[in-house]
Amino acid sequence: MRIPCPFCGERDLQEYSFLGEAGLKRPDPAAHDAQKQFHDYVHIRENKAGTTKELWHHTYGCRSWIAVERNTLTHEIFSSEFASVTLKELAK
């Protein structure tokens, strides 16, 4: 799979590290059920088939965090942008 970096251009998957779903919100540690919320936050993922938005780190390139929208079945990539742009949109 080749991932288009907004800074470096298209690069091989081996240059990247995968973080997971974009937009996951860290639980409040002061919540009454914080332990369960953190368990789910760390271990429970949708892992849906189809189009998802994911966070990737260009570890062996420009070291930027990138949000990639791709199809998990075909690995077709629809878009990529710096993660700061995506995270700002998701926070609204």
N, C-alpha and C. Protein backbone atom coordinates (compact mmCIF):
# COMPACT_ATOMS: atom_id res chain seq x y z
N MET A 1 0.85 -1.17 0.00
CA MET A 1 0.00 0.00 0.00
C MET A 1 0.90 1.24 0.00
N ARG A 2 0.49 2.24 -0.75
CA ARG A 2 1.23 3.51 -0.81
C ARG A 2 0.35 4.61 -0.25
N ILE A 3 0.90 5.37 0.68
CA ILE A 3 0.14 6.41 1.37
C ILE A 3 0.66 7.78 0.92
N PRO A 4 -0.25 8.66 0.47
CA PRO A 4 0.19 9.99 0.07
C PRO A 4 0.37 10.92 1.27
N CYS A 5 1.58 11.33 1.52
CA CYS A 5 1.89 12.28 2.59
C CYS A 5 1.68 13.69 2.02
N PRO A 6 0.96 14.56 2.73
CA PRO A 6 0.75 15.92 2.22
C PRO A 6 2.05 16.71 2.07
N PHE A 7 3.10 16.33 2.79
CA PHE A 7 4.37 17.04 2.72
C PHE A 7 5.34 16.36 1.75
N CYS A 8 5.48 15.03 1.85
CA CYS A 8 6.51 14.29 1.10
C CYS A 8 6.02 13.68 -0.21
N GLY A 9 4.71 13.58 -0.40
CA GLY A 9 4.18 12.89 -1.56
C GLY A 9 3.92 11.43 -1.23
N GLU A 10 3.63 10.65 -2.25
CA GLU A 10 3.28 9.23 -2.06
C GLU A 10 4.49 8.43 -1.60
N ARG A 11 4.29 7.64 -0.52
CA ARG A 11 5.37 6.84 0.05
C ARG A 11 4.86 5.44 0.39
N ASP A 12 5.79 4.51 0.51
CA ASP A 12 5.46 3.13 0.84
C ASP A 12 4.97 3.00 2.28
N LEU A 13 4.10 2.06 2.52
CA LEU A 13 3.54 1.79 3.84
C LEU A 13 4.61 1.58 4.90
N GLN A 14 5.75 1.02 4.53
CA GLN A 14 6.81 0.71 5.48
C GLN A 14 7.38 1.96 6.17
N GLU A 15 7.13 3.15 5.62
CA GLU A 15 7.62 4.38 6.23
C GLU A 15 6.71 4.87 7.36
N TYR A 16 5.55 4.23 7.53
CA TYR A 16 4.53 4.72 8.45
C TYR A 16 4.31 3.79 9.64
N SER A 17 3.78 4.37 10.71
CA SER A 17 3.30 3.61 11.87
C SER A 17 1.82 3.91 12.00
N PHE A 18 1.03 2.88 12.26
CA PHE A 18 -0.42 3.01 12.35
C PHE A 18 -0.83 3.27 13.80
N LEU A 19 -1.69 4.27 14.03
CA LEU A 19 -2.19 4.53 15.38
C LEU A 19 -3.58 3.94 15.56
N GLY A 20 -4.48 4.18 14.65
CA GLY A 20 -5.85 3.68 14.78
C GLY A 20 -6.85 4.69 14.27
N GLU A 21 -8.07 4.53 14.71
CA GLU A 21 -9.17 5.39 14.28
C GLU A 21 -8.89 6.85 14.62
N ALA A 22 -9.20 7.72 13.70
CA ALA A 22 -9.13 9.16 13.98
C ALA A 22 -10.40 9.56 14.72
N GLY A 23 -10.26 10.46 15.65
CA GLY A 23 -11.43 11.00 16.32
C GLY A 23 -11.83 10.34 17.62
N LEU A 24 -11.07 9.35 18.07
CA LEU A 24 -11.38 8.77 19.37
C LEU A 24 -11.09 9.80 20.45
N LYS A 25 -12.00 9.96 21.38
CA LYS A 25 -11.81 10.93 22.46
C LYS A 25 -11.39 10.23 23.74
N ARG A 26 -10.34 10.75 24.34
CA ARG A 26 -9.82 10.17 25.58
C ARG A 26 -10.85 10.36 26.69
N PRO A 27 -11.14 9.32 27.46
CA PRO A 27 -12.12 9.42 28.54
C PRO A 27 -11.65 10.35 29.66
N ASP A 28 -12.61 10.83 30.41
CA ASP A 28 -12.34 11.69 31.56
C ASP A 28 -11.87 10.80 32.72
N PRO A 29 -10.65 10.99 33.23
CA PRO A 29 -10.16 10.14 34.31
C PRO A 29 -10.91 10.33 35.62
N ALA A 30 -11.67 11.41 35.74
CA ALA A 30 -12.43 11.67 36.96
C ALA A 30 -13.84 11.08 36.91
N ALA A 31 -14.22 10.49 35.81
CA ALA A 31 -15.57 9.91 35.68
C ALA A 31 -15.72 8.72 36.64
N HIS A 32 -16.96 8.48 37.06
CA HIS A 32 -17.20 7.40 38.02
C HIS A 32 -16.87 6.03 37.44
N ASP A 33 -16.99 5.87 36.12
CA ASP A 33 -16.67 4.59 35.48
C ASP A 33 -15.41 4.72 34.60
N ALA A 34 -14.45 5.50 35.07
CA ALA A 34 -13.24 5.79 34.28
C ALA A 34 -12.48 4.52 33.90
N GLN A 35 -12.40 3.56 34.79
CA GLN A 35 -11.63 2.34 34.50
C GLN A 35 -12.23 1.60 33.30
N LYS A 36 -13.55 1.46 33.28
CA LYS A 36 -14.21 0.79 32.16
C LYS A 36 -14.05 1.61 30.88
N GLN A 37 -14.21 2.93 31.00
CA GLN A 37 -14.07 3.79 29.82
C GLN A 37 -12.66 3.69 29.22
N PHE A 38 -11.63 3.68 30.08
CA PHE A 38 -10.26 3.56 29.58
C PHE A 38 -10.01 2.18 28.98
N HIS A 39 -10.57 1.15 29.58
CA HIS A 39 -10.44 -0.19 29.00
C HIS A 39 -11.00 -0.20 27.59
N ASP A 40 -12.21 0.32 27.42
CA ASP A 40 -12.84 0.34 26.11
C ASP A 40 -12.06 1.23 25.13
N TYR A 41 -11.56 2.36 25.61
CA TYR A 41 -10.80 3.29 24.79
C TYR A 41 -9.53 2.63 24.23
N VAL A 42 -8.88 1.83 25.05
CA VAL A 42 -7.62 1.20 24.65
C VAL A 42 -7.84 -0.08 23.85
N HIS A 43 -8.84 -0.89 24.24
CA HIS A 43 -8.95 -2.24 23.68
C HIS A 43 -10.12 -2.48 22.73
N ILE A 44 -11.18 -1.73 22.83
CA ILE A 44 -12.37 -2.01 22.02
C ILE A 44 -12.41 -1.07 20.82
N ARG A 45 -12.39 -1.64 19.65
CA ARG A 45 -12.43 -0.87 18.41
C ARG A 45 -13.53 -1.43 17.52
N GLU A 46 -14.09 -0.54 16.69
CA GLU A 46 -15.13 -0.97 15.75
C GLU A 46 -14.58 -1.96 14.73
N ASN A 47 -13.41 -1.65 14.18
CA ASN A 47 -12.79 -2.50 13.16
C ASN A 47 -13.75 -2.80 12.03
N LYS A 48 -14.46 -1.77 11.58
CA LYS A 48 -15.47 -1.97 10.55
C LYS A 48 -14.84 -2.14 9.17
N ALA A 49 -15.53 -2.88 8.35
CA ALA A 49 -15.11 -3.05 6.97
C ALA A 49 -15.69 -1.90 6.16
N GLY A 50 -14.86 -1.31 5.33
CA GLY A 50 -15.33 -0.21 4.51
C GLY A 50 -14.50 1.04 4.74
N THR A 51 -15.09 2.19 4.49
CA THR A 51 -14.38 3.46 4.57
C THR A 51 -14.21 3.91 6.02
N THR A 52 -12.97 4.23 6.38
CA THR A 52 -12.65 4.71 7.73
C THR A 52 -11.66 5.86 7.62
N LYS A 53 -11.55 6.60 8.70
CA LYS A 53 -10.54 7.65 8.80
C LYS A 53 -9.57 7.21 9.89
N GLU A 54 -8.30 7.16 9.56
CA GLU A 54 -7.28 6.61 10.46
C GLU A 54 -6.12 7.59 10.63
N LEU A 55 -5.41 7.43 11.74
CA LEU A 55 -4.22 8.23 11.99
C LEU A 55 -2.97 7.40 11.71
N TRP A 56 -2.06 7.99 10.95
CA TRP A 56 -0.79 7.36 10.61
C TRP A 56 0.33 8.35 10.92
N HIS A 57 1.47 7.82 11.37
CA HIS A 57 2.63 8.65 11.65
C HIS A 57 3.68 8.36 10.59
N HIS A 58 4.16 9.39 9.92
CA HIS A 58 5.18 9.20 8.89
C HIS A 58 6.55 9.09 9.57
N THR A 59 6.75 7.97 10.23
CA THR A 59 7.89 7.72 11.10
C THR A 59 9.22 7.86 10.39
N TYR A 60 9.35 7.30 9.21
CA TYR A 60 10.62 7.31 8.48
C TYR A 60 10.60 8.32 7.35
N GLY A 61 9.84 9.39 7.55
CA GLY A 61 9.77 10.47 6.58
C GLY A 61 9.81 11.80 7.31
N CYS A 62 8.80 12.62 7.11
CA CYS A 62 8.77 13.96 7.70
C CYS A 62 8.31 13.95 9.15
N ARG A 63 7.91 12.79 9.68
CA ARG A 63 7.49 12.61 11.07
C ARG A 63 6.19 13.33 11.40
N SER A 64 5.37 13.60 10.39
CA SER A 64 4.08 14.24 10.58
C SER A 64 3.01 13.20 10.89
N TRP A 65 1.98 13.62 11.64
CA TRP A 65 0.80 12.79 11.84
C TRP A 65 -0.16 13.10 10.70
N ILE A 66 -0.68 12.05 10.07
CA ILE A 66 -1.52 12.19 8.88
C ILE A 66 -2.83 11.45 9.11
N ALA A 67 -3.93 12.09 8.73
CA ALA A 67 -5.24 11.45 8.76
C ALA A 67 -5.51 10.93 7.35
N VAL A 68 -5.76 9.64 7.26
CA VAL A 68 -5.97 8.99 5.96
C VAL A 68 -7.38 8.40 5.93
N GLU A 69 -8.11 8.73 4.89
CA GLU A 69 -9.43 8.12 4.68
C GLU A 69 -9.24 7.03 3.64
N ARG A 70 -9.55 5.79 4.05
CA ARG A 70 -9.33 4.66 3.13
C ARG A 70 -10.38 3.58 3.33
N ASN A 71 -10.47 2.72 2.35
CA ASN A 71 -11.35 1.57 2.41
C ASN A 71 -10.55 0.40 2.96
N THR A 72 -10.99 -0.17 4.08
CA THR A 72 -10.23 -1.25 4.72
C THR A 72 -10.33 -2.57 3.96
N LEU A 73 -11.26 -2.68 3.05
CA LEU A 73 -11.38 -3.91 2.25
C LEU A 73 -10.46 -3.89 1.04
N THR A 74 -10.40 -2.74 0.36
CA THR A 74 -9.62 -2.66 -0.88
C THR A 74 -8.31 -1.91 -0.70
N HIS A 75 -8.13 -1.24 0.43
CA HIS A 75 -6.96 -0.39 0.72
C HIS A 75 -6.88 0.83 -0.19
N GLU A 76 -7.98 1.13 -0.89
CA GLU A 76 -8.02 2.35 -1.70
C GLU A 76 -8.01 3.56 -0.78
N ILE A 77 -7.15 4.52 -1.08
CA ILE A 77 -7.05 5.73 -0.28
C ILE A 77 -7.78 6.85 -1.00
N PHE A 78 -8.71 7.49 -0.26
CA PHE A 78 -9.52 8.56 -0.83
C PHE A 78 -8.92 9.93 -0.55
N SER A 79 -8.32 10.11 0.62
CA SER A 79 -7.73 11.40 0.96
C SER A 79 -6.71 11.23 2.08
N SER A 80 -5.82 12.21 2.17
CA SER A 80 -4.90 12.28 3.30
C SER A 80 -4.62 13.76 3.56
N GLU A 81 -4.50 14.09 4.83
CA GLU A 81 -4.21 15.47 5.23
C GLU A 81 -3.50 15.44 6.56
N PHE A 82 -2.89 16.56 6.92
CA PHE A 82 -2.25 16.62 8.22
C PHE A 82 -3.30 16.39 9.29
N ALA A 83 -2.99 15.60 10.29
CA ALA A 83 -3.95 15.21 11.31
C ALA A 83 -4.49 16.41 12.08
N SER A 84 -3.71 17.46 12.22
CA SER A 84 -4.19 18.63 12.97
C SER A 84 -5.45 19.21 12.34
N VAL A 85 -5.56 19.16 11.03
CA VAL A 85 -6.75 19.64 10.32
C VAL A 85 -7.94 18.77 10.66
N THR A 86 -7.77 17.46 10.59
CA THR A 86 -8.85 16.51 10.89
C THR A 86 -9.28 16.59 12.34
N LEU A 87 -8.35 16.65 13.25
CA LEU A 87 -8.69 16.67 14.67
C LEU A 87 -9.44 17.94 15.04
N LYS A 88 -9.12 19.06 14.41
CA LYS A 88 -9.87 20.30 14.65
C LYS A 88 -11.31 20.15 14.18
N GLU A 89 -11.50 19.52 13.02
CA GLU A 89 -12.85 19.31 12.48
C GLU A 89 -13.65 18.39 13.40
N LEU A 90 -13.03 17.33 13.89
CA LEU A 90 -13.72 16.36 14.73
C LEU A 90 -14.07 16.94 16.11
N ALA A 91 -13.32 17.92 16.56
CA ALA A 91 -13.55 18.52 17.87
C ALA A 91 -14.76 19.45 17.88
N LYS A 92 -15.23 19.85 16.70
CA LYS A 92 -16.38 20.77 16.62
C LYS A 92 -17.66 20.12 17.06
